Amino acid sequence: MRNIRYLGWLPPVGTLIGPLLHNAVHPFILGMPFVLGWIVVWLLLTTPIMALVYWLDPANRRDGDAGDRP
């Protein structure tokens, strides 16, 4: 289950690498150029992705199965 932390790399990669691959102005997303819309979408997706990583990480369980934490 440790591989769930790799999901944390998805927002930075999508935000930084995506505009390099999809550099276009004319398709608009809610009136914004595509690159700006792409960044805003990834900004909004970051919170649920990080919440999912936190929720699925066994180190954040309260029952103490993952070991003693200070």
N, C-alpha and C. Protein backbone atom coordinates (compact mmCIF):
# COMPACT_ATOMS: atom_id res chain seq x y z
N MET A 1 0.82 -1.19 0.00
CA MET A 1 0.00 0.00 0.00
C MET A 1 0.86 1.25 0.00
N ARG A 2 2.17 1.10 0.07
CA ARG A 2 3.06 2.26 0.07
C ARG A 2 3.06 2.97 -1.28
N ASN A 3 2.63 2.29 -2.33
CA ASN A 3 2.64 2.90 -3.66
C ASN A 3 1.60 4.00 -3.81
N ILE A 4 0.68 4.13 -2.87
CA ILE A 4 -0.33 5.18 -2.95
C ILE A 4 0.31 6.56 -2.86
N ARG A 5 1.49 6.64 -2.25
CA ARG A 5 2.17 7.93 -2.14
C ARG A 5 2.65 8.46 -3.49
N TYR A 6 2.80 7.58 -4.46
CA TYR A 6 3.20 8.03 -5.79
C TYR A 6 2.09 8.85 -6.46
N LEU A 7 0.87 8.71 -5.97
CA LEU A 7 -0.21 9.55 -6.46
C LEU A 7 0.04 11.01 -6.15
N GLY A 8 0.84 11.30 -5.15
CA GLY A 8 1.19 12.66 -4.80
C GLY A 8 2.02 13.36 -5.86
N TRP A 9 2.65 12.59 -6.73
CA TRP A 9 3.42 13.19 -7.82
C TRP A 9 2.54 13.61 -8.99
N LEU A 10 1.32 13.15 -9.04
CA LEU A 10 0.43 13.45 -10.16
C LEU A 10 0.13 14.95 -10.32
N PRO A 11 -0.25 15.70 -9.27
CA PRO A 11 -0.51 17.13 -9.46
C PRO A 11 0.68 17.95 -9.95
N PRO A 12 1.89 17.79 -9.37
CA PRO A 12 3.00 18.59 -9.90
C PRO A 12 3.36 18.24 -11.33
N VAL A 13 3.31 16.96 -11.65
CA VAL A 13 3.63 16.55 -13.01
C VAL A 13 2.58 17.07 -13.99
N GLY A 14 1.32 16.95 -13.62
CA GLY A 14 0.26 17.45 -14.50
C GLY A 14 0.29 18.95 -14.67
N THR A 15 0.65 19.67 -13.60
CA THR A 15 0.69 21.12 -13.66
C THR A 15 1.88 21.63 -14.45
N LEU A 16 3.03 21.03 -14.26
CA LEU A 16 4.25 21.54 -14.88
C LEU A 16 4.55 20.96 -16.26
N ILE A 17 4.29 19.69 -16.46
CA ILE A 17 4.62 19.05 -17.73
C ILE A 17 3.48 19.20 -18.74
N GLY A 18 2.25 19.24 -18.25
CA GLY A 18 1.10 19.34 -19.14
C GLY A 18 1.11 20.53 -20.08
N PRO A 19 1.37 21.75 -19.59
CA PRO A 19 1.39 22.89 -20.51
C PRO A 19 2.49 22.80 -21.57
N LEU A 20 3.57 22.10 -21.28
CA LEU A 20 4.60 21.93 -22.30
C LEU A 20 4.12 21.04 -23.44
N LEU A 21 3.27 20.09 -23.12
CA LEU A 21 2.77 19.17 -24.14
C LEU A 21 1.54 19.70 -24.86
N HIS A 22 0.75 20.53 -24.19
CA HIS A 22 -0.50 21.02 -24.75
C HIS A 22 -0.49 22.55 -24.82
N ASN A 23 0.53 23.10 -25.41
CA ASN A 23 0.67 24.54 -25.47
C ASN A 23 -0.19 25.09 -26.62
N ALA A 24 -1.41 25.48 -26.28
CA ALA A 24 -2.34 26.04 -27.26
C ALA A 24 -3.12 27.17 -26.61
N VAL A 25 -3.52 28.16 -27.41
CA VAL A 25 -4.24 29.30 -26.87
C VAL A 25 -5.71 29.25 -27.28
N HIS A 26 -6.01 28.83 -28.48
CA HIS A 26 -7.36 28.99 -29.01
C HIS A 26 -8.45 28.13 -28.37
N PRO A 27 -8.22 26.90 -27.98
CA PRO A 27 -9.31 26.26 -27.23
C PRO A 27 -9.42 26.93 -25.86
N PHE A 28 -10.60 27.42 -25.54
CA PHE A 28 -10.81 28.12 -24.29
C PHE A 28 -11.54 27.22 -23.28
N ILE A 29 -11.18 27.35 -22.01
CA ILE A 29 -11.86 26.66 -20.92
C ILE A 29 -12.43 27.73 -20.03
N LEU A 30 -13.75 27.88 -20.03
CA LEU A 30 -14.45 28.90 -19.24
C LEU A 30 -13.90 30.30 -19.51
N GLY A 31 -13.59 30.60 -20.74
CA GLY A 31 -13.10 31.91 -21.13
C GLY A 31 -11.62 32.13 -20.93
N MET A 32 -10.91 31.13 -20.41
CA MET A 32 -9.47 31.26 -20.19
C MET A 32 -8.74 30.51 -21.30
N PRO A 33 -7.55 30.98 -21.66
CA PRO A 33 -6.75 30.19 -22.61
C PRO A 33 -6.51 28.78 -22.06
N PHE A 34 -6.26 27.86 -22.95
CA PHE A 34 -6.16 26.45 -22.58
C PHE A 34 -5.11 26.20 -21.50
N VAL A 35 -3.94 26.83 -21.61
CA VAL A 35 -2.87 26.59 -20.66
C VAL A 35 -3.27 27.06 -19.26
N LEU A 36 -3.88 28.23 -19.16
CA LEU A 36 -4.33 28.73 -17.87
C LEU A 36 -5.45 27.85 -17.31
N GLY A 37 -6.37 27.42 -18.16
CA GLY A 37 -7.43 26.51 -17.74
C GLY A 37 -6.87 25.19 -17.26
N TRP A 38 -5.83 24.69 -17.92
CA TRP A 38 -5.18 23.44 -17.53
C TRP A 38 -4.61 23.56 -16.12
N ILE A 39 -3.95 24.67 -15.84
CA ILE A 39 -3.35 24.89 -14.52
C ILE A 39 -4.43 25.01 -13.45
N VAL A 40 -5.51 25.71 -13.76
CA VAL A 40 -6.61 25.86 -12.79
C VAL A 40 -7.26 24.51 -12.50
N VAL A 41 -7.45 23.70 -13.51
CA VAL A 41 -8.04 22.37 -13.31
C VAL A 41 -7.14 21.52 -12.41
N TRP A 42 -5.83 21.55 -12.63
CA TRP A 42 -4.93 20.77 -11.79
C TRP A 42 -4.87 21.34 -10.38
N LEU A 43 -5.01 22.64 -10.24
CA LEU A 43 -5.06 23.24 -8.91
C LEU A 43 -6.28 22.73 -8.14
N LEU A 44 -7.41 22.62 -8.82
CA LEU A 44 -8.62 22.12 -8.18
C LEU A 44 -8.56 20.61 -7.92
N LEU A 45 -7.86 19.87 -8.76
CA LEU A 45 -7.73 18.42 -8.57
C LEU A 45 -6.72 18.04 -7.49
N THR A 46 -5.83 18.96 -7.14
CA THR A 46 -4.80 18.66 -6.15
C THR A 46 -5.40 18.32 -4.79
N THR A 47 -6.41 19.05 -4.36
CA THR A 47 -7.00 18.81 -3.05
C THR A 47 -7.62 17.41 -2.93
N PRO A 48 -8.47 16.97 -3.87
CA PRO A 48 -9.00 15.61 -3.71
C PRO A 48 -7.93 14.52 -3.83
N ILE A 49 -6.92 14.75 -4.66
CA ILE A 49 -5.86 13.74 -4.80
C ILE A 49 -5.08 13.62 -3.50
N MET A 50 -4.72 14.76 -2.91
CA MET A 50 -3.98 14.72 -1.64
C MET A 50 -4.84 14.17 -0.51
N ALA A 51 -6.14 14.45 -0.52
CA ALA A 51 -7.03 13.88 0.49
C ALA A 51 -7.11 12.36 0.33
N LEU A 52 -7.13 11.88 -0.89
CA LEU A 52 -7.15 10.44 -1.15
C LEU A 52 -5.86 9.79 -0.66
N VAL A 53 -4.73 10.43 -0.92
CA VAL A 53 -3.45 9.90 -0.45
C VAL A 53 -3.44 9.85 1.07
N TYR A 54 -3.90 10.90 1.72
CA TYR A 54 -3.94 10.94 3.18
C TYR A 54 -4.87 9.87 3.74
N TRP A 55 -6.03 9.71 3.10
CA TRP A 55 -7.03 8.76 3.58
C TRP A 55 -6.57 7.31 3.42
N LEU A 56 -5.85 7.01 2.34
CA LEU A 56 -5.42 5.64 2.08
C LEU A 56 -4.08 5.28 2.71
N ASP A 57 -3.35 6.27 3.22
CA ASP A 57 -2.05 6.01 3.81
C ASP A 57 -2.22 5.32 5.16
N PRO A 58 -1.63 4.15 5.35
CA PRO A 58 -1.81 3.44 6.62
C PRO A 58 -1.16 4.15 7.80
N ALA A 59 -0.23 5.05 7.59
CA ALA A 59 0.41 5.76 8.69
C ALA A 59 -0.54 6.74 9.36
N ASN A 60 -1.65 7.06 8.74
CA ASN A 60 -2.59 8.03 9.29
C ASN A 60 -3.78 7.39 9.99
N ARG A 61 -3.73 6.09 10.21
CA ARG A 61 -4.82 5.41 10.90
C ARG A 61 -4.68 5.62 12.41
N ARG A 62 -5.79 5.76 13.10
CA ARG A 62 -5.76 6.02 14.55
C ARG A 62 -5.70 4.76 15.39
N ASP A 63 -5.94 3.60 14.81
CA ASP A 63 -6.00 2.38 15.60
C ASP A 63 -4.64 1.86 16.05
N GLY A 64 -3.56 2.46 15.56
CA GLY A 64 -2.22 2.08 16.01
C GLY A 64 -1.62 0.89 15.28
N ASP A 65 -2.25 0.42 14.22
CA ASP A 65 -1.71 -0.72 13.48
C ASP A 65 -0.43 -0.38 12.73
N ALA A 66 -0.25 0.87 12.37
CA ALA A 66 0.91 1.25 11.58
C ALA A 66 2.15 1.49 12.45
N GLY A 67 2.04 1.41 13.74
CA GLY A 67 3.17 1.63 14.63
C GLY A 67 2.92 2.83 15.52
N ASP A 68 3.77 2.98 16.49
CA ASP A 68 3.62 4.10 17.42
C ASP A 68 4.21 5.37 16.82
N ARG A 69 3.42 6.41 16.84
CA ARG A 69 3.89 7.71 16.36
C ARG A 69 3.93 8.66 17.53
N PRO A 70 4.92 9.54 17.57
CA PRO A 70 4.99 10.48 18.70
C PRO A 70 3.88 11.49 18.69
